[in-house]
Structure formats: structure tokens, C-alpha cells
């Protein structure tokens, strides 16, 4: 019972922190080029001393409850980097081995010429992470990079879903489940 209470506390506290620190109201242009009346700056969460461990715990719980079996977690640099690291650390605290990785926007033309950096994803079950998604473009770029590197993408998971079509697009184009920890309605948006 205690773990359930701490899980509920982690989820509730992370929601408070997102609402307090990350939701910015006002006209903004998103990375997708779309205009919105609010911005969710989740780097204010994923790089925050209290929130980052909660991100890892909440995302790991989300994936576990959905029955997603994976050994690697990461996504397109830059928004996904701290999310993957948070999941890796949460798994480590639970005695599980989950490696993080980073997907470059384009394959390197020097060195080893890799697009996916970190422990090898080839032949592994991989979760593509993102902090939030508007069109699904970043996550789909990461899925493509992971697949080109031989990884088996088993799900895409985001902290906050903006309810702007990402879920439908990712599930249709990538053919994997799209999971999210919080919907925009939970943030009062």
C-alpha cells in the first residue's frame, strides 16, 4: 500500500510542478510552426532538481502499467535527452537495467557516423520518449533513426500530450502505442 501512495504522490507532485513551473500562457510559435495560446516548457521540469526524479518514476510507471517491455529509452535530442536519463535513473533505483540513448536530428558525417548515440540499440526493445508533442514529428524522426540503427521500437511515450493529433499520427505512421502521463485537460489547458 505504501508504494501505491508514493506512486500517487509522485504523480500528483509532478502535476503540481508542471502546472506551477512549465505552463506559460500567451501567444507562442511552437517548433512545429503552429501558433498556440500557451507553451509547456517541460525543460523547466526535466532539468529541475525535484521534478526530474519524478519524471523518471512517473514515466517508468506509465510504461510498466501499459505492459511495455523495453531495455532502452530515449529520443530526439534535445527535449527527450533528460527524459531518457530520468527513466534510466528511475529504473536503476528499482534495480532494473535500462539504458538511455540520444537520437541526432541527422546522421553524423564524421567519426563513427552514428545518428543514435549511447549504448547500442540494435536488436533491443526501445521506447522513444519526448517531453511533449504537437505534430509527432520529433518522435517520428527518432523512431526512424532507431529503426535504421536496428532497434525495435515498442512504444512512444510523452510526459504531456497536447491533444493536437500526435497520438493518431504516431500510431498510424510508426505502428506503435502512444502513451502519455498527463493530458492537457489535467493542466487546465
N, C-alpha and C. Protein backbone atom coordinates (compact mmCIF):
# COMPACT_ATOMS: atom_id res chain seq x y z
N UNK A 1 0.82 -1.20 0.00
CA UNK A 1 0.00 0.00 0.00
C UNK A 1 0.86 1.26 0.00
N UNK A 2 1.99 1.19 0.72
CA UNK A 2 2.87 2.34 0.79
C UNK A 2 3.38 2.76 -0.58
N UNK A 3 3.79 1.76 -1.42
CA UNK A 3 4.31 2.10 -2.74
C UNK A 3 3.23 2.76 -3.60
N UNK A 4 1.99 2.33 -3.46
CA UNK A 4 0.91 2.93 -4.22
C UNK A 4 0.74 4.39 -3.81
N UNK A 5 0.85 4.65 -2.50
CA UNK A 5 0.75 6.00 -2.01
C UNK A 5 1.88 6.85 -2.55
N UNK A 6 3.11 6.32 -2.55
CA UNK A 6 4.24 7.10 -3.04
C UNK A 6 4.13 7.31 -4.55
N UNK A 7 3.59 6.31 -5.28
CA UNK A 7 3.39 6.48 -6.72
C UNK A 7 2.36 7.57 -6.98
N UNK A 8 1.26 7.55 -6.25
CA UNK A 8 0.24 8.58 -6.41
C UNK A 8 0.79 9.94 -6.03
N UNK A 9 1.63 9.96 -4.98
CA UNK A 9 2.25 11.23 -4.56
C UNK A 9 3.17 11.75 -5.66
N UNK A 10 3.98 10.89 -6.25
CA UNK A 10 4.90 11.31 -7.31
C UNK A 10 4.12 11.90 -8.48
N UNK A 11 3.06 11.23 -8.87
CA UNK A 11 2.25 11.70 -10.00
C UNK A 11 1.59 13.05 -9.68
N UNK A 12 1.02 13.17 -8.48
CA UNK A 12 0.35 14.40 -8.07
C UNK A 12 1.36 15.55 -7.93
N UNK A 13 2.51 15.27 -7.35
CA UNK A 13 3.51 16.32 -7.16
C UNK A 13 4.08 16.78 -8.50
N UNK A 14 4.32 15.84 -9.42
CA UNK A 14 4.83 16.22 -10.73
C UNK A 14 3.81 17.10 -11.46
N UNK A 15 2.54 16.76 -11.36
CA UNK A 15 1.49 17.57 -11.97
C UNK A 15 1.52 19.00 -11.40
N UNK A 16 1.67 19.12 -10.08
CA UNK A 16 1.76 20.44 -9.45
C UNK A 16 2.94 21.23 -10.01
N UNK A 17 4.09 20.57 -10.11
CA UNK A 17 5.29 21.25 -10.60
C UNK A 17 5.15 21.66 -12.06
N UNK A 18 4.56 20.81 -12.88
CA UNK A 18 4.35 21.16 -14.29
C UNK A 18 3.45 22.39 -14.38
N UNK A 19 2.35 22.37 -13.65
CA UNK A 19 1.41 23.49 -13.67
C UNK A 19 2.07 24.78 -13.18
N UNK A 20 2.85 24.65 -12.12
CA UNK A 20 3.49 25.81 -11.49
C UNK A 20 4.67 26.36 -12.30
N UNK A 21 5.51 25.48 -12.83
CA UNK A 21 6.77 25.89 -13.44
C UNK A 21 6.80 25.88 -14.97
N UNK A 22 6.01 25.03 -15.60
CA UNK A 22 6.20 24.80 -17.03
C UNK A 22 5.14 25.40 -17.94
N UNK A 23 3.95 25.66 -17.42
CA UNK A 23 2.88 26.18 -18.28
C UNK A 23 3.01 27.70 -18.37
N UNK A 24 3.24 28.16 -19.60
CA UNK A 24 3.39 29.59 -19.86
C UNK A 24 2.23 30.00 -20.76
N UNK A 25 1.45 30.96 -20.33
CA UNK A 25 0.29 31.39 -21.12
C UNK A 25 0.64 32.61 -21.97
N UNK A 26 0.06 32.66 -23.16
CA UNK A 26 0.32 33.74 -24.10
C UNK A 26 0.62 33.15 -25.47
N UNK A 27 0.53 33.97 -26.50
CA UNK A 27 0.75 33.52 -27.89
C UNK A 27 2.21 33.11 -28.09
N UNK A 28 2.39 31.90 -28.64
CA UNK A 28 3.73 31.41 -28.95
C UNK A 28 3.69 30.64 -30.26
N UNK A 29 4.85 30.55 -30.90
CA UNK A 29 5.01 29.72 -32.09
C UNK A 29 5.76 28.47 -31.64
N UNK A 30 5.18 27.31 -31.88
CA UNK A 30 5.77 26.04 -31.48
C UNK A 30 6.81 25.58 -32.49
N UNK A 31 7.62 24.57 -32.12
CA UNK A 31 8.65 24.07 -33.03
C UNK A 31 8.03 23.52 -34.31
N UNK A 32 6.77 23.12 -34.24
CA UNK A 32 6.07 22.61 -35.41
C UNK A 32 5.69 23.74 -36.37
N UNK A 33 5.83 25.00 -35.90
CA UNK A 33 5.44 26.15 -36.69
C UNK A 33 4.01 26.60 -36.40
N UNK A 34 3.29 25.81 -35.62
CA UNK A 34 1.92 26.17 -35.27
C UNK A 34 1.92 27.21 -34.15
N UNK A 35 0.83 28.00 -34.13
CA UNK A 35 0.67 29.00 -33.08
C UNK A 35 -0.22 28.42 -31.98
N UNK A 36 0.09 28.77 -30.74
CA UNK A 36 -0.70 28.30 -29.61
C UNK A 36 -0.91 29.43 -28.61
N UNK A 37 -1.90 29.26 -27.74
CA UNK A 37 -2.19 30.25 -26.70
C UNK A 37 -1.42 29.97 -25.42
N UNK A 38 -0.66 28.89 -25.42
CA UNK A 38 0.13 28.54 -24.25
C UNK A 38 1.33 27.73 -24.71
N UNK A 39 2.31 27.65 -23.85
CA UNK A 39 3.51 26.87 -24.13
C UNK A 39 3.78 26.03 -22.90
N UNK A 40 4.15 24.81 -23.11
CA UNK A 40 4.52 23.95 -21.99
C UNK A 40 6.03 23.74 -22.09
N UNK A 41 6.78 24.46 -21.27
CA UNK A 41 8.24 24.40 -21.29
C UNK A 41 8.70 23.33 -20.32
N UNK A 42 8.70 22.09 -20.81
CA UNK A 42 9.00 20.96 -19.93
C UNK A 42 10.46 20.84 -19.58
N UNK A 43 11.34 21.60 -20.21
CA UNK A 43 12.74 21.60 -19.76
C UNK A 43 12.83 22.23 -18.37
N UNK A 44 11.85 23.06 -18.03
CA UNK A 44 11.79 23.61 -16.68
C UNK A 44 11.47 22.52 -15.66
N UNK A 45 10.99 21.38 -16.16
CA UNK A 45 10.67 20.23 -15.32
C UNK A 45 11.76 19.17 -15.42
N UNK A 46 12.10 18.78 -16.65
CA UNK A 46 13.04 17.67 -16.83
C UNK A 46 14.44 17.99 -16.35
N UNK A 47 14.76 19.28 -16.19
CA UNK A 47 16.07 19.69 -15.70
C UNK A 47 16.00 20.28 -14.29
N UNK A 48 14.89 20.08 -13.61
CA UNK A 48 14.66 20.62 -12.27
C UNK A 48 15.02 19.57 -11.22
N UNK A 49 15.67 20.01 -10.16
CA UNK A 49 16.18 19.09 -9.14
C UNK A 49 15.11 18.19 -8.50
N UNK A 50 13.94 18.71 -8.25
CA UNK A 50 12.88 17.90 -7.64
C UNK A 50 12.06 17.17 -8.70
N UNK A 51 11.79 17.83 -9.81
CA UNK A 51 10.89 17.25 -10.80
C UNK A 51 11.51 16.12 -11.62
N UNK A 52 12.79 16.21 -11.95
CA UNK A 52 13.41 15.20 -12.83
C UNK A 52 13.27 13.77 -12.28
N UNK A 53 13.55 13.53 -11.00
CA UNK A 53 13.34 12.17 -10.50
C UNK A 53 11.87 11.73 -10.56
N UNK A 54 10.96 12.69 -10.40
CA UNK A 54 9.53 12.38 -10.50
C UNK A 54 9.17 12.01 -11.94
N UNK A 55 9.78 12.71 -12.92
CA UNK A 55 9.56 12.38 -14.33
C UNK A 55 9.94 10.93 -14.57
N UNK A 56 11.11 10.54 -14.09
CA UNK A 56 11.55 9.16 -14.29
C UNK A 56 10.60 8.16 -13.67
N UNK A 57 10.17 8.42 -12.44
CA UNK A 57 9.27 7.50 -11.73
C UNK A 57 7.91 7.41 -12.42
N UNK A 58 7.36 8.55 -12.82
CA UNK A 58 6.03 8.58 -13.44
C UNK A 58 6.06 7.92 -14.82
N UNK A 59 7.09 8.21 -15.60
CA UNK A 59 7.18 7.62 -16.94
C UNK A 59 7.43 6.12 -16.87
N UNK A 60 8.28 5.69 -15.96
CA UNK A 60 8.53 4.26 -15.80
C UNK A 60 7.26 3.53 -15.39
N UNK A 61 6.52 4.11 -14.46
CA UNK A 61 5.24 3.52 -14.03
C UNK A 61 4.24 3.46 -15.19
N UNK A 62 4.17 4.53 -15.98
CA UNK A 62 3.28 4.57 -17.14
C UNK A 62 3.59 3.42 -18.09
N UNK A 63 4.86 3.23 -18.40
CA UNK A 63 5.28 2.17 -19.32
C UNK A 63 5.03 0.79 -18.72
N UNK A 64 5.32 0.63 -17.44
CA UNK A 64 5.10 -0.66 -16.78
C UNK A 64 3.62 -1.02 -16.75
N UNK A 65 2.78 -0.04 -16.41
CA UNK A 65 1.34 -0.31 -16.34
C UNK A 65 0.76 -0.66 -17.70
N UNK A 66 1.39 -0.17 -18.77
CA UNK A 66 0.94 -0.49 -20.13
C UNK A 66 1.53 -1.82 -20.61
N UNK A 67 2.38 -2.43 -19.80
CA UNK A 67 2.97 -3.72 -20.17
C UNK A 67 4.04 -3.61 -21.24
N UNK A 68 4.70 -2.47 -21.33
CA UNK A 68 5.74 -2.25 -22.34
C UNK A 68 7.06 -2.85 -21.82
N UNK A 69 7.61 -3.79 -22.57
CA UNK A 69 8.88 -4.45 -22.22
C UNK A 69 9.99 -3.77 -23.01
N UNK A 70 10.94 -3.13 -22.33
CA UNK A 70 12.00 -2.39 -23.02
C UNK A 70 13.29 -2.39 -22.22
N UNK A 71 14.39 -2.19 -22.93
CA UNK A 71 15.70 -2.11 -22.29
C UNK A 71 16.40 -0.78 -22.56
N UNK A 72 15.86 0.02 -23.48
CA UNK A 72 16.47 1.29 -23.86
C UNK A 72 15.38 2.36 -23.98
N UNK A 73 15.72 3.58 -23.56
CA UNK A 73 14.76 4.68 -23.59
C UNK A 73 15.47 5.96 -23.98
N UNK A 74 14.90 6.67 -24.94
CA UNK A 74 15.48 7.94 -25.37
C UNK A 74 14.68 8.50 -26.52
N UNK A 75 15.23 9.51 -27.16
CA UNK A 75 14.53 10.11 -28.27
C UNK A 75 15.35 11.19 -28.93
N UNK A 76 14.67 12.03 -29.69
CA UNK A 76 15.34 13.06 -30.46
C UNK A 76 15.93 14.11 -29.53
N UNK A 77 17.22 14.39 -29.74
CA UNK A 77 17.85 15.42 -28.93
C UNK A 77 17.16 16.75 -29.24
N UNK A 78 16.74 17.40 -28.35
CA UNK A 78 17.17 17.85 -27.06
C UNK A 78 16.08 17.63 -26.02
N UNK A 79 14.84 17.69 -26.44
CA UNK A 79 13.76 17.55 -25.47
C UNK A 79 13.71 16.19 -24.80
N UNK A 80 14.09 15.14 -25.51
CA UNK A 80 14.00 13.79 -24.96
C UNK A 80 15.18 13.42 -24.10
N UNK A 81 16.31 14.11 -24.24
CA UNK A 81 17.53 13.71 -23.53
C UNK A 81 17.33 13.57 -22.02
N UNK A 82 16.83 14.60 -21.33
CA UNK A 82 16.67 14.44 -19.88
C UNK A 82 15.56 13.47 -19.49
N UNK A 83 14.59 13.25 -20.38
CA UNK A 83 13.52 12.29 -20.09
C UNK A 83 14.10 10.87 -20.09
N UNK A 84 14.90 10.56 -21.10
CA UNK A 84 15.55 9.25 -21.16
C UNK A 84 16.46 9.02 -19.97
N UNK A 85 17.21 10.03 -19.60
CA UNK A 85 18.10 9.91 -18.44
C UNK A 85 17.30 9.70 -17.16
N UNK A 86 16.19 10.41 -17.02
CA UNK A 86 15.35 10.26 -15.83
C UNK A 86 14.78 8.84 -15.73
N UNK A 87 14.34 8.29 -16.86
CA UNK A 87 13.81 6.92 -16.87
C UNK A 87 14.93 5.93 -16.52
N UNK A 88 16.12 6.14 -17.09
CA UNK A 88 17.26 5.28 -16.79
C UNK A 88 17.55 5.27 -15.29
N UNK A 89 17.58 6.44 -14.67
CA UNK A 89 17.86 6.53 -13.23
C UNK A 89 16.74 5.92 -12.39
N UNK A 90 15.49 6.14 -12.78
CA UNK A 90 14.36 5.55 -12.04
C UNK A 90 14.43 4.02 -12.11
N UNK A 91 14.74 3.49 -13.28
CA UNK A 91 14.87 2.04 -13.43
C UNK A 91 16.01 1.54 -12.57
N UNK A 92 17.13 2.25 -12.56
CA UNK A 92 18.27 1.86 -11.74
C UNK A 92 17.93 1.82 -10.26
N UNK A 93 17.15 2.81 -9.80
CA UNK A 93 16.72 2.82 -8.39
C UNK A 93 15.84 1.61 -8.08
N UNK A 94 15.17 1.09 -9.11
CA UNK A 94 14.29 -0.07 -8.93
C UNK A 94 15.04 -1.38 -9.20
N UNK A 95 16.36 -1.30 -9.43
CA UNK A 95 17.16 -2.50 -9.66
C UNK A 95 17.03 -3.06 -11.06
N UNK A 96 16.64 -2.22 -12.00
CA UNK A 96 16.46 -2.64 -13.39
C UNK A 96 17.49 -1.98 -14.29
N UNK A 97 17.87 -2.70 -15.33
CA UNK A 97 18.84 -2.17 -16.28
C UNK A 97 18.12 -1.60 -17.50
N UNK A 98 18.04 -0.28 -17.57
CA UNK A 98 17.50 0.42 -18.74
C UNK A 98 18.56 1.43 -19.15
N UNK A 99 19.00 1.35 -20.40
CA UNK A 99 19.98 2.31 -20.91
C UNK A 99 19.26 3.44 -21.62
N UNK A 100 19.88 4.61 -21.58
CA UNK A 100 19.37 5.77 -22.30
C UNK A 100 20.14 5.92 -23.61
N UNK A 101 19.54 6.63 -24.55
CA UNK A 101 20.21 6.93 -25.81
C UNK A 101 19.72 8.27 -26.31
N UNK A 102 20.44 8.82 -27.29
CA UNK A 102 20.11 10.11 -27.90
C UNK A 102 20.07 9.92 -29.41
N UNK A 103 19.04 10.45 -30.03
CA UNK A 103 18.94 10.41 -31.49
C UNK A 103 19.25 11.81 -32.01
N UNK A 104 20.27 11.89 -32.87
CA UNK A 104 20.61 13.16 -33.52
C UNK A 104 19.56 13.45 -34.58
N UNK A 105 19.41 14.72 -34.90
CA UNK A 105 18.46 15.10 -35.96
C UNK A 105 18.90 14.57 -37.31
N UNK A 106 20.20 14.41 -37.49
CA UNK A 106 20.75 13.85 -38.73
C UNK A 106 21.97 13.01 -38.39
N UNK A 107 22.25 12.04 -39.22
CA UNK A 107 23.40 11.18 -39.01
C UNK A 107 24.68 12.00 -39.12
N UNK A 108 25.65 11.69 -38.23
CA UNK A 108 26.93 12.39 -38.28
C UNK A 108 27.66 12.05 -39.57
N UNK A 109 28.39 13.01 -40.09
CA UNK A 109 29.18 12.77 -41.30
C UNK A 109 30.64 12.54 -40.94
N UNK A 110 30.94 12.43 -39.65
CA UNK A 110 32.32 12.24 -39.19
C UNK A 110 32.33 11.20 -38.07
N UNK A 111 33.52 10.83 -37.62
CA UNK A 111 33.64 9.84 -36.56
C UNK A 111 33.02 8.53 -36.98
N UNK A 112 32.17 7.98 -36.15
CA UNK A 112 31.52 6.70 -36.45
C UNK A 112 30.26 6.87 -37.28
N UNK A 113 29.89 8.11 -37.56
CA UNK A 113 28.75 8.38 -38.44
C UNK A 113 27.42 7.91 -37.89
N UNK A 114 27.27 7.95 -36.58
CA UNK A 114 26.04 7.44 -35.97
C UNK A 114 24.97 8.53 -35.85
N UNK A 115 23.73 8.09 -35.92
CA UNK A 115 22.62 9.00 -35.62
C UNK A 115 22.11 8.74 -34.21
N UNK A 116 22.20 7.50 -33.76
CA UNK A 116 21.77 7.14 -32.41
C UNK A 116 23.02 6.96 -31.55
N UNK A 117 23.14 7.79 -30.53
CA UNK A 117 24.31 7.78 -29.65
C UNK A 117 23.98 7.13 -28.32
N UNK A 118 24.97 6.48 -27.74
CA UNK A 118 24.82 5.81 -26.46
C UNK A 118 24.95 4.31 -26.66
N UNK A 119 24.53 3.53 -25.66
CA UNK A 119 24.59 2.07 -25.81
C UNK A 119 23.82 1.61 -27.05
N UNK A 120 24.34 0.59 -27.71
CA UNK A 120 23.79 0.08 -28.96
C UNK A 120 22.32 -0.35 -28.81
N UNK A 121 21.46 0.14 -29.69
CA UNK A 121 20.04 -0.20 -29.66
C UNK A 121 19.70 -1.37 -30.58
N UNK A 122 20.66 -1.80 -31.38
CA UNK A 122 20.40 -2.86 -32.36
C UNK A 122 19.88 -4.13 -31.69
N UNK A 123 18.73 -4.60 -32.17
CA UNK A 123 18.13 -5.81 -31.63
C UNK A 123 17.45 -5.65 -30.29
N UNK A 124 17.39 -4.44 -29.80
CA UNK A 124 16.82 -4.17 -28.47
C UNK A 124 15.40 -3.61 -28.57
N UNK A 125 14.62 -3.84 -27.50
CA UNK A 125 13.30 -3.21 -27.38
C UNK A 125 13.50 -1.79 -26.85
N UNK A 126 13.00 -0.83 -27.61
CA UNK A 126 13.27 0.58 -27.36
C UNK A 126 11.97 1.35 -27.19
N UNK A 127 11.96 2.26 -26.21
CA UNK A 127 10.87 3.22 -26.07
C UNK A 127 11.40 4.57 -26.51
N UNK A 128 10.68 5.21 -27.42
CA UNK A 128 11.02 6.56 -27.85
C UNK A 128 10.26 7.52 -26.94
N UNK A 129 10.99 8.43 -26.33
CA UNK A 129 10.43 9.38 -25.38
C UNK A 129 10.46 10.79 -25.96
N UNK A 130 9.59 11.62 -25.44
CA UNK A 130 9.58 13.04 -25.78
C UNK A 130 8.96 13.75 -24.59
N UNK A 131 9.31 15.03 -24.40
CA UNK A 131 8.68 15.75 -23.29
C UNK A 131 7.23 16.06 -23.61
N UNK A 132 6.99 16.63 -24.79
CA UNK A 132 5.63 16.87 -25.27
C UNK A 132 5.66 16.85 -26.79
N UNK A 133 4.50 16.74 -27.40
CA UNK A 133 4.46 16.64 -28.85
C UNK A 133 3.23 17.37 -29.37
N UNK A 134 3.44 18.10 -30.47
CA UNK A 134 2.33 18.80 -31.12
C UNK A 134 1.90 18.05 -32.38
N UNK A 135 2.87 17.76 -33.24
CA UNK A 135 2.56 17.08 -34.51
C UNK A 135 3.06 15.64 -34.54
N UNK A 136 3.94 15.28 -33.60
CA UNK A 136 4.55 13.96 -33.60
C UNK A 136 5.82 13.87 -34.41
N UNK A 137 6.21 14.97 -35.06
CA UNK A 137 7.36 14.97 -35.95
C UNK A 137 8.67 14.56 -35.29
N UNK A 138 8.97 15.10 -34.12
CA UNK A 138 10.23 14.76 -33.44
C UNK A 138 10.27 13.29 -33.06
N UNK A 139 9.18 12.80 -32.52
CA UNK A 139 9.14 11.38 -32.13
C UNK A 139 9.27 10.49 -33.35
N UNK A 140 8.63 10.85 -34.46
CA UNK A 140 8.73 10.03 -35.67
C UNK A 140 10.13 10.05 -36.25
N UNK A 141 10.83 11.19 -36.16
CA UNK A 141 12.22 11.25 -36.59
C UNK A 141 13.07 10.32 -35.74
N UNK A 142 12.80 10.29 -34.43
CA UNK A 142 13.53 9.40 -33.53
C UNK A 142 13.23 7.94 -33.83
N UNK A 143 11.96 7.62 -34.08
CA UNK A 143 11.58 6.25 -34.42
C UNK A 143 12.34 5.79 -35.67
N UNK A 144 12.37 6.65 -36.67
CA UNK A 144 13.07 6.33 -37.92
C UNK A 144 14.57 6.09 -37.67
N UNK A 145 15.19 6.95 -36.86
CA UNK A 145 16.61 6.79 -36.53
C UNK A 145 16.89 5.51 -35.78
N UNK A 146 16.05 5.19 -34.80
CA UNK A 146 16.22 3.97 -34.02
C UNK A 146 16.06 2.74 -34.91
N UNK A 147 15.05 2.75 -35.74
CA UNK A 147 14.83 1.61 -36.64
C UNK A 147 16.00 1.45 -37.61
N UNK A 148 16.53 2.55 -38.12
CA UNK A 148 17.69 2.48 -39.03
C UNK A 148 18.91 1.91 -38.31
N UNK A 149 18.98 2.11 -36.99
CA UNK A 149 20.09 1.58 -36.18
C UNK A 149 19.81 0.15 -35.71
N UNK A 150 18.69 -0.43 -36.14
CA UNK A 150 18.39 -1.81 -35.80
C UNK A 150 17.58 -2.02 -34.54
N UNK A 151 17.13 -0.94 -33.92
CA UNK A 151 16.33 -1.06 -32.71
C UNK A 151 14.88 -1.39 -33.03
N UNK A 152 14.23 -2.08 -32.08
CA UNK A 152 12.82 -2.45 -32.22
C UNK A 152 12.00 -1.50 -31.34
N UNK A 153 11.34 -0.52 -31.96
CA UNK A 153 10.55 0.47 -31.21
C UNK A 153 9.25 -0.19 -30.76
N UNK A 154 9.02 -0.19 -29.45
CA UNK A 154 7.83 -0.85 -28.89
C UNK A 154 6.77 0.14 -28.43
N UNK A 155 7.14 1.42 -28.29
CA UNK A 155 6.17 2.45 -27.88
C UNK A 155 6.81 3.81 -28.00
N UNK A 156 5.95 4.83 -28.07
CA UNK A 156 6.34 6.22 -27.93
C UNK A 156 5.61 6.73 -26.69
N UNK A 157 6.34 7.43 -25.81
CA UNK A 157 5.73 7.95 -24.59
C UNK A 157 6.17 9.38 -24.36
N UNK A 158 5.21 10.23 -24.00
CA UNK A 158 5.48 11.64 -23.71
C UNK A 158 4.97 11.99 -22.32
N UNK A 159 5.55 13.02 -21.76
CA UNK A 159 5.10 13.47 -20.44
C UNK A 159 3.72 14.11 -20.57
N UNK A 160 3.60 15.10 -21.49
CA UNK A 160 2.34 15.81 -21.67
C UNK A 160 1.87 15.70 -23.12
N UNK A 161 0.63 15.28 -23.29
CA UNK A 161 0.02 15.24 -24.62
C UNK A 161 -0.81 16.50 -24.81
N UNK A 162 -0.53 17.22 -25.88
CA UNK A 162 -1.23 18.48 -26.18
C UNK A 162 -2.59 18.25 -26.85
N UNK A 163 -2.90 17.00 -27.19
CA UNK A 163 -4.16 16.66 -27.85
C UNK A 163 -4.31 17.41 -29.17
N UNK A 164 -3.23 17.36 -29.97
CA UNK A 164 -3.24 18.05 -31.26
C UNK A 164 -2.97 17.08 -32.42
N UNK A 165 -3.22 15.80 -32.20
CA UNK A 165 -3.08 14.83 -33.27
C UNK A 165 -1.83 13.97 -33.25
N UNK A 166 -0.93 14.21 -32.32
CA UNK A 166 0.29 13.42 -32.25
C UNK A 166 0.01 11.94 -32.07
N UNK A 167 -0.88 11.62 -31.15
CA UNK A 167 -1.19 10.22 -30.85
C UNK A 167 -1.64 9.49 -32.12
N UNK A 168 -2.59 10.08 -32.82
CA UNK A 168 -3.14 9.44 -34.01
C UNK A 168 -2.07 9.31 -35.11
N UNK A 169 -1.28 10.36 -35.29
CA UNK A 169 -0.25 10.32 -36.34
C UNK A 169 0.84 9.29 -36.01
N UNK A 170 1.32 9.30 -34.78
CA UNK A 170 2.39 8.37 -34.40
C UNK A 170 1.91 6.93 -34.47
N UNK A 171 0.71 6.67 -33.96
CA UNK A 171 0.20 5.30 -34.01
C UNK A 171 0.00 4.84 -35.44
N UNK A 172 -0.45 5.74 -36.32
CA UNK A 172 -0.67 5.38 -37.73
C UNK A 172 0.65 5.19 -38.47
N UNK A 173 1.57 6.14 -38.32
CA UNK A 173 2.80 6.11 -39.10
C UNK A 173 3.86 5.19 -38.52
N UNK A 174 3.98 5.13 -37.20
CA UNK A 174 5.01 4.29 -36.58
C UNK A 174 4.48 2.90 -36.24
N UNK A 175 3.15 2.77 -36.12
CA UNK A 175 2.56 1.47 -35.81
C UNK A 175 2.86 0.97 -34.41
N UNK A 176 3.04 1.90 -33.47
CA UNK A 176 3.30 1.53 -32.07
C UNK A 176 2.37 2.32 -31.16
N UNK A 177 2.16 1.84 -29.94
CA UNK A 177 1.32 2.59 -28.99
C UNK A 177 1.94 3.93 -28.64
N UNK A 178 1.08 4.92 -28.42
CA UNK A 178 1.49 6.25 -27.97
C UNK A 178 0.90 6.43 -26.57
N UNK A 179 1.76 6.65 -25.61
CA UNK A 179 1.33 6.79 -24.22
C UNK A 179 1.69 8.18 -23.72
N UNK A 180 0.90 8.69 -22.79
CA UNK A 180 1.24 9.97 -22.18
C UNK A 180 0.86 9.95 -20.71
N UNK A 181 1.66 10.66 -19.91
CA UNK A 181 1.43 10.70 -18.47
C UNK A 181 0.31 11.66 -18.10
N UNK A 182 0.24 12.81 -18.80
CA UNK A 182 -0.76 13.84 -18.49
C UNK A 182 -1.35 14.38 -19.79
N UNK A 183 -2.66 14.59 -19.78
CA UNK A 183 -3.31 15.25 -20.90
C UNK A 183 -3.42 16.74 -20.61
N UNK A 184 -3.62 17.53 -21.66
CA UNK A 184 -3.69 18.99 -21.46
C UNK A 184 -4.84 19.37 -20.54
N UNK A 185 -5.90 18.57 -20.51
CA UNK A 185 -7.02 18.85 -19.63
C UNK A 185 -6.61 18.80 -18.16
N UNK A 186 -5.68 17.90 -17.81
CA UNK A 186 -5.19 17.81 -16.42
C UNK A 186 -4.42 19.06 -16.02
N UNK A 187 -3.91 19.79 -17.02
CA UNK A 187 -3.16 21.01 -16.76
C UNK A 187 -4.06 22.24 -16.84
N UNK A 188 -5.34 22.01 -17.06
CA UNK A 188 -6.29 23.12 -17.16
C UNK A 188 -6.14 23.93 -18.44
N UNK A 189 -5.69 23.27 -19.52
CA UNK A 189 -5.48 23.97 -20.80
C UNK A 189 -6.56 23.66 -21.79
